[in-house]
C-alpha cells in the first residue's frame, strides 16, 4: 500500500489501531457538546455585556 493510498483510507502508518468502546465515544461526544454549549453561553453573555457598555 502506498502512503497516499493509506492516507486516503484513514490508515495510520506505524501506529496500532485501537478499538474504543462505543460508550466511551458517546461520552466524549456528549462532553464536547456540553463544552460547546457552555462556550456559546459565555460568548452570548460577553456579547451582551459589551453591548450594554456600548463597546460591541
PDB file of N, CA and C in Angstrom:
ATOM      1  N   UNK A   1       0.846  -1.170   0.000  1.00  0.00           N
ATOM      2  CA  UNK A   1       0.000   0.000   0.000  1.00  0.00           C
ATOM      3  C   UNK A   1       0.895   1.238   0.000  1.00  0.00           C
ATOM      4  N   UNK A   2       0.626   2.169  -0.886  1.00  0.00           N
ATOM      5  CA  UNK A   2       1.382   3.411  -0.967  1.00  0.00           C
ATOM      6  C   UNK A   2       0.923   4.378   0.122  1.00  0.00           C
ATOM      7  N   UNK A   3       1.801   5.286   0.586  1.00  0.00           N
ATOM      8  CA  UNK A   3       1.410   6.242   1.634  1.00  0.00           C
ATOM      9  C   UNK A   3       0.173   7.053   1.279  1.00  0.00           C
ATOM     10  N   UNK A   4       0.046   7.488   0.022  1.00  0.00           N
ATOM     11  CA  UNK A   4      -1.132   8.270  -0.373  1.00  0.00           C
ATOM     12  C   UNK A   4      -2.394   7.425  -0.255  1.00  0.00           C
ATOM     13  N   UNK A   5      -2.301   6.165  -0.651  1.00  0.00           N
ATOM     14  CA  UNK A   5      -3.462   5.282  -0.554  1.00  0.00           C
ATOM     15  C   UNK A   5      -3.850   5.070   0.906  1.00  0.00           C
ATOM     16  N   UNK A   6      -2.864   4.861   1.766  1.00  0.00           N
ATOM     17  CA  UNK A   6      -3.168   4.614   3.163  1.00  0.00           C
ATOM     18  C   UNK A   6      -3.769   5.859   3.816  1.00  0.00           C
ATOM     19  N   UNK A   7      -3.303   7.041   3.435  1.00  0.00           N
ATOM     20  CA  UNK A   7      -3.866   8.275   3.986  1.00  0.00           C
ATOM     21  C   UNK A   7      -5.316   8.433   3.555  1.00  0.00           C
ATOM     22  N   UNK A   8      -5.608   8.102   2.294  1.00  0.00           N
ATOM     23  CA  UNK A   8      -6.977   8.203   1.800  1.00  0.00           C
ATOM     24  C   UNK A   8      -7.904   7.248   2.529  1.00  0.00           C
ATOM     25  N   UNK A   9      -7.383   6.121   2.930  1.00  0.00           N
ATOM     26  CA  UNK A   9      -8.201   5.116   3.596  1.00  0.00           C
ATOM     27  C   UNK A   9      -8.217   5.305   5.107  1.00  0.00           C
ATOM     28  N   UNK A  10      -7.552   6.335   5.621  1.00  0.00           N
ATOM     29  CA  UNK A  10      -7.560   6.620   7.037  1.00  0.00           C
ATOM     30  C   UNK A  10      -6.720   5.671   7.868  1.00  0.00           C
ATOM     31  N   UNK A  11      -5.764   5.023   7.265  1.00  0.00           N
ATOM     32  CA  UNK A  11      -4.915   4.080   7.983  1.00  0.00           C
ATOM     33  C   UNK A  11      -3.741   4.844   8.563  1.00  0.00           C
ATOM     34  N   UNK A  12      -3.486   4.650   9.842  1.00  0.00           N
ATOM     35  CA  UNK A  12      -2.343   5.286  10.480  1.00  0.00           C
ATOM     36  C   UNK A  12      -1.131   4.384  10.313  1.00  0.00           C
ATOM     37  N   UNK A  13      -0.103   4.891   9.689  1.00  0.00           N
ATOM     38  CA  UNK A  13       1.105   4.105   9.485  1.00  0.00           C
ATOM     39  C   UNK A  13       1.929   4.104  10.763  1.00  0.00           C
ATOM     40  N   UNK A  14       2.539   3.004  11.053  1.00  0.00           N
ATOM     41  CA  UNK A  14       3.415   2.836  12.214  1.00  0.00           C
ATOM     42  C   UNK A  14       2.683   3.066  13.540  1.00  0.00           C
ATOM     43  N   UNK A  15       1.385   2.959  13.548  1.00  0.00           N
ATOM     44  CA  UNK A  15       0.617   3.091  14.781  1.00  0.00           C
ATOM     45  C   UNK A  15      -0.412   1.973  14.829  1.00  0.00           C
ATOM     46  N   UNK A  16      -0.615   1.471  16.000  1.00  0.00           N
ATOM     47  CA  UNK A  16      -1.580   0.395  16.187  1.00  0.00           C
ATOM     48  C   UNK A  16      -2.984   0.979  16.286  1.00  0.00           C
ATOM     49  N   UNK A  17      -3.911   0.367  15.584  1.00  0.00           N
ATOM     50  CA  UNK A  17      -5.298   0.796  15.713  1.00  0.00           C
ATOM     51  C   UNK A  17      -5.882   0.197  16.981  1.00  0.00           C
ATOM     52  N   UNK A  18      -6.594   1.010  17.719  1.00  0.00           N
ATOM     53  CA  UNK A  18      -7.168   0.583  18.982  1.00  0.00           C
ATOM     54  C   UNK A  18      -8.678   0.737  18.901  1.00  0.00           C
ATOM     55  N   UNK A  19      -9.377  -0.295  19.287  1.00  0.00           N
ATOM     56  CA  UNK A  19     -10.833  -0.200  19.332  1.00  0.00           C
ATOM     57  C   UNK A  19     -11.233   0.533  20.602  1.00  0.00           C
ATOM     58  N   UNK A  20     -12.185   1.438  20.440  1.00  0.00           N
ATOM     59  CA  UNK A  20     -12.690   2.200  21.575  1.00  0.00           C
ATOM     60  C   UNK A  20     -14.150   1.815  21.754  1.00  0.00           C
ATOM     61  N   UNK A  21     -14.544   1.491  22.970  1.00  0.00           N
ATOM     62  CA  UNK A  21     -15.944   1.129  23.204  1.00  0.00           C
ATOM     63  C   UNK A  21     -16.885   2.272  22.798  1.00  0.00           C
ATOM     64  N   UNK A  22     -17.998   1.895  22.232  1.00  0.00           N
ATOM     65  CA  UNK A  22     -18.973   2.879  21.769  1.00  0.00           C
ATOM     66  C   UNK A  22     -19.417   3.800  22.897  1.00  0.00           C
ATOM     67  N   UNK A  23     -19.537   3.268  24.106  1.00  0.00           N
ATOM     68  CA  UNK A  23     -19.956   4.087  25.248  1.00  0.00           C
ATOM     69  C   UNK A  23     -18.939   5.191  25.526  1.00  0.00           C
ATOM     70  N   UNK A  24     -17.652   4.889  25.348  1.00  0.00           N
ATOM     71  CA  UNK A  24     -16.616   5.900  25.559  1.00  0.00           C
ATOM     72  C   UNK A  24     -16.692   6.996  24.497  1.00  0.00           C
ATOM     73  N   UNK A  25     -16.945   6.598  23.266  1.00  0.00           N
ATOM     74  CA  UNK A  25     -17.079   7.566  22.179  1.00  0.00           C
ATOM     75  C   UNK A  25     -18.294   8.451  22.440  1.00  0.00           C
ATOM     76  N   UNK A  26     -19.408   7.854  22.823  1.00  0.00           N
ATOM     77  CA  UNK A  26     -20.613   8.618  23.113  1.00  0.00           C
ATOM     78  C   UNK A  26     -20.391   9.582  24.272  1.00  0.00           C
ATOM     79  N   UNK A  27     -19.687   9.139  25.295  1.00  0.00           N
ATOM     80  CA  UNK A  27     -19.376  10.006  26.434  1.00  0.00           C
ATOM     81  C   UNK A  27     -18.535  11.201  25.986  1.00  0.00           C
ATOM     82  N   UNK A  28     -17.532  10.945  25.183  1.00  0.00           N
ATOM     83  CA  UNK A  28     -16.670  12.027  24.693  1.00  0.00           C
ATOM     84  C   UNK A  28     -17.457  13.011  23.838  1.00  0.00           C
ATOM     85  N   UNK A  29     -18.309  12.508  22.963  1.00  0.00           N
ATOM     86  CA  UNK A  29     -19.118  13.390  22.126  1.00  0.00           C
ATOM     87  C   UNK A  29     -20.093  14.212  22.955  1.00  0.00           C
ATOM     88  N   UNK A  30     -20.644  13.616  23.989  1.00  0.00           N
ATOM     89  CA  UNK A  30     -21.551  14.331  24.886  1.00  0.00           C
ATOM     90  C   UNK A  30     -20.798  15.444  25.611  1.00  0.00           C
ATOM     91  N   UNK A  31     -19.588  15.146  26.071  1.00  0.00           N
ATOM     92  CA  UNK A  31     -18.789  16.162  26.749  1.00  0.00           C
ATOM     93  C   UNK A  31     -18.442  17.309  25.801  1.00  0.00           C
ATOM     94  N   UNK A  32     -18.125  16.985  24.558  1.00  0.00           N
ATOM     95  CA  UNK A  32     -17.854  18.028  23.570  1.00  0.00           C
ATOM     96  C   UNK A  32     -19.081  18.896  23.341  1.00  0.00           C
ATOM     97  N   UNK A  33     -20.236  18.280  23.236  1.00  0.00           N
ATOM     98  CA  UNK A  33     -21.475  19.022  23.030  1.00  0.00           C
ATOM     99  C   UNK A  33     -21.745  19.962  24.204  1.00  0.00           C
ATOM    100  N   UNK A  34     -21.531  19.466  25.422  1.00  0.00           N
ATOM    101  CA  UNK A  34     -21.739  20.295  26.610  1.00  0.00           C
ATOM    102  C   UNK A  34     -20.739  21.442  26.665  1.00  0.00           C
ATOM    103  N   UNK A  35     -19.494  21.188  26.288  1.00  0.00           N
ATOM    104  CA  UNK A  35     -18.479  22.241  26.284  1.00  0.00           C
ATOM    105  C   UNK A  35     -18.810  23.305  25.250  1.00  0.00           C
ATOM    106  N   UNK A  36     -19.276  22.884  24.073  1.00  0.00           N
ATOM    107  CA  UNK A  36     -19.669  23.854  23.047  1.00  0.00           C
ATOM    108  C   UNK A  36     -20.835  24.703  23.515  1.00  0.00           C
ATOM    109  N   UNK A  37     -21.792  24.082  24.172  1.00  0.00           N
ATOM    110  CA  UNK A  37     -22.941  24.819  24.687  1.00  0.00           C
ATOM    111  C   UNK A  37     -22.490  25.843  25.731  1.00  0.00           C
ATOM    112  N   UNK A  38     -21.559  25.450  26.593  1.00  0.00           N
ATOM    113  CA  UNK A  38     -21.048  26.377  27.604  1.00  0.00           C
ATOM    114  C   UNK A  38     -20.310  27.546  26.950  1.00  0.00           C
ATOM    115  N   UNK A  39     -19.530  27.273  25.920  1.00  0.00           N
ATOM    116  CA  UNK A  39     -18.836  28.340  25.209  1.00  0.00           C
ATOM    117  C   UNK A  39     -19.814  29.265  24.509  1.00  0.00           C
ATOM    118  N   UNK A  40     -20.861  28.709  23.921  1.00  0.00           N
ATOM    119  CA  UNK A  40     -21.886  29.534  23.278  1.00  0.00           C
ATOM    120  C   UNK A  40     -22.548  30.462  24.286  1.00  0.00           C
ATOM    121  N   UNK A  41     -22.841  29.940  25.462  1.00  0.00           N
ATOM    122  CA  UNK A  41     -23.453  30.751  26.517  1.00  0.00           C
ATOM    123  C   UNK A  41     -22.503  31.858  26.948  1.00  0.00           C
ATOM    124  N   UNK A  42     -21.238  31.523  27.125  1.00  0.00           N
ATOM    125  CA  UNK A  42     -20.242  32.514  27.521  1.00  0.00           C
ATOM    126  C   UNK A  42     -20.118  33.605  26.460  1.00  0.00           C
ATOM    127  N   UNK A  43     -20.063  33.201  25.203  1.00  0.00           N
ATOM    128  CA  UNK A  43     -19.966  34.173  24.115  1.00  0.00           C
ATOM    129  C   UNK A  43     -21.185  35.098  24.113  1.00  0.00           C
ATOM    130  N   UNK A  44     -22.360  34.522  24.296  1.00  0.00           N
ATOM    131  CA  UNK A  44     -23.586  35.309  24.336  1.00  0.00           C
ATOM    132  C   UNK A  44     -23.543  36.317  25.485  1.00  0.00           C
ATOM    133  N   UNK A  45     -23.125  35.857  26.666  1.00  0.00           N
ATOM    134  CA  UNK A  45     -23.051  36.737  27.839  1.00  0.00           C
ATOM    135  C   UNK A  45     -22.035  37.856  27.635  1.00  0.00           C
ATOM    136  N   UNK A  46     -20.885  37.526  27.058  1.00  0.00           N
ATOM    137  CA  UNK A  46     -19.861  38.540  26.819  1.00  0.00           C
ATOM    138  C   UNK A  46     -20.317  39.563  25.786  1.00  0.00           C
ATOM    139  N   UNK A  47     -20.985  39.089  24.743  1.00  0.00           N
ATOM    140  CA  UNK A  47     -21.500  39.996  23.718  1.00  0.00           C
ATOM    141  C   UNK A  47     -22.548  40.924  24.306  1.00  0.00           C
ATOM    142  N   UNK A  48     -23.434  40.360  25.116  1.00  0.00           N
ATOM    143  CA  UNK A  48     -24.482  41.174  25.744  1.00  0.00           C
ATOM    144  C   UNK A  48     -23.866  42.218  26.669  1.00  0.00           C
ATOM    145  N   UNK A  49     -22.858  41.846  27.441  1.00  0.00           N
ATOM    146  CA  UNK A  49     -22.187  42.790  28.344  1.00  0.00           C
ATOM    147  C   UNK A  49     -21.487  43.891  27.560  1.00  0.00           C
ATOM    148  N   UNK A  50     -20.849  43.527  26.459  1.00  0.00           N
ATOM    149  CA  UNK A  50     -20.170  44.528  25.634  1.00  0.00           C
ATOM    150  C   UNK A  50     -21.167  45.495  25.025  1.00  0.00           C
ATOM    151  N   UNK A  51     -22.280  44.999  24.567  1.00  0.00           N
ATOM    152  CA  UNK A  51     -23.315  45.880  24.001  1.00  0.00           C
ATOM    153  C   UNK A  51     -23.890  46.799  25.053  1.00  0.00           C
ATOM    154  N   UNK A  52     -24.051  46.269  26.256  1.00  0.00           N
ATOM    155  CA  UNK A  52     -24.584  47.069  27.361  1.00  0.00           C
ATOM    156  C   UNK A  52     -23.639  48.244  27.651  1.00  0.00           C
ATOM    157  N   UNK A  53     -22.353  47.991  27.509  1.00  0.00           N
ATOM    158  CA  UNK A  53     -21.369  49.050  27.729  1.00  0.00           C
ATOM    159  C   UNK A  53     -21.194  49.930  26.488  1.00  0.00           C
ATOM    160  N   UNK A  54     -21.787  49.512  25.384  1.00  0.00           N
ATOM    161  CA  UNK A  54     -21.670  50.280  24.154  1.00  0.00           C
ATOM    162  C   UNK A  54     -20.357  50.085  23.439  1.00  0.00           C
ATOM    163  N   UNK A  55     -19.736  48.924  23.629  1.00  0.00           N
ATOM    164  CA  UNK A  55     -18.435  48.670  23.001  1.00  0.00           C
ATOM    165  C   UNK A  55     -18.445  47.410  22.163  1.00  0.00           C
ATOM    166  N   UNK A  56     -19.544  47.103  21.546  1.00  0.00           N
ATOM    167  CA  UNK A  56     -19.597  45.895  20.724  1.00  0.00           C
ATOM    168  C   UNK A  56     -18.805  46.122  19.479  1.00  0.00           C
TER     169      UNK A  56
END
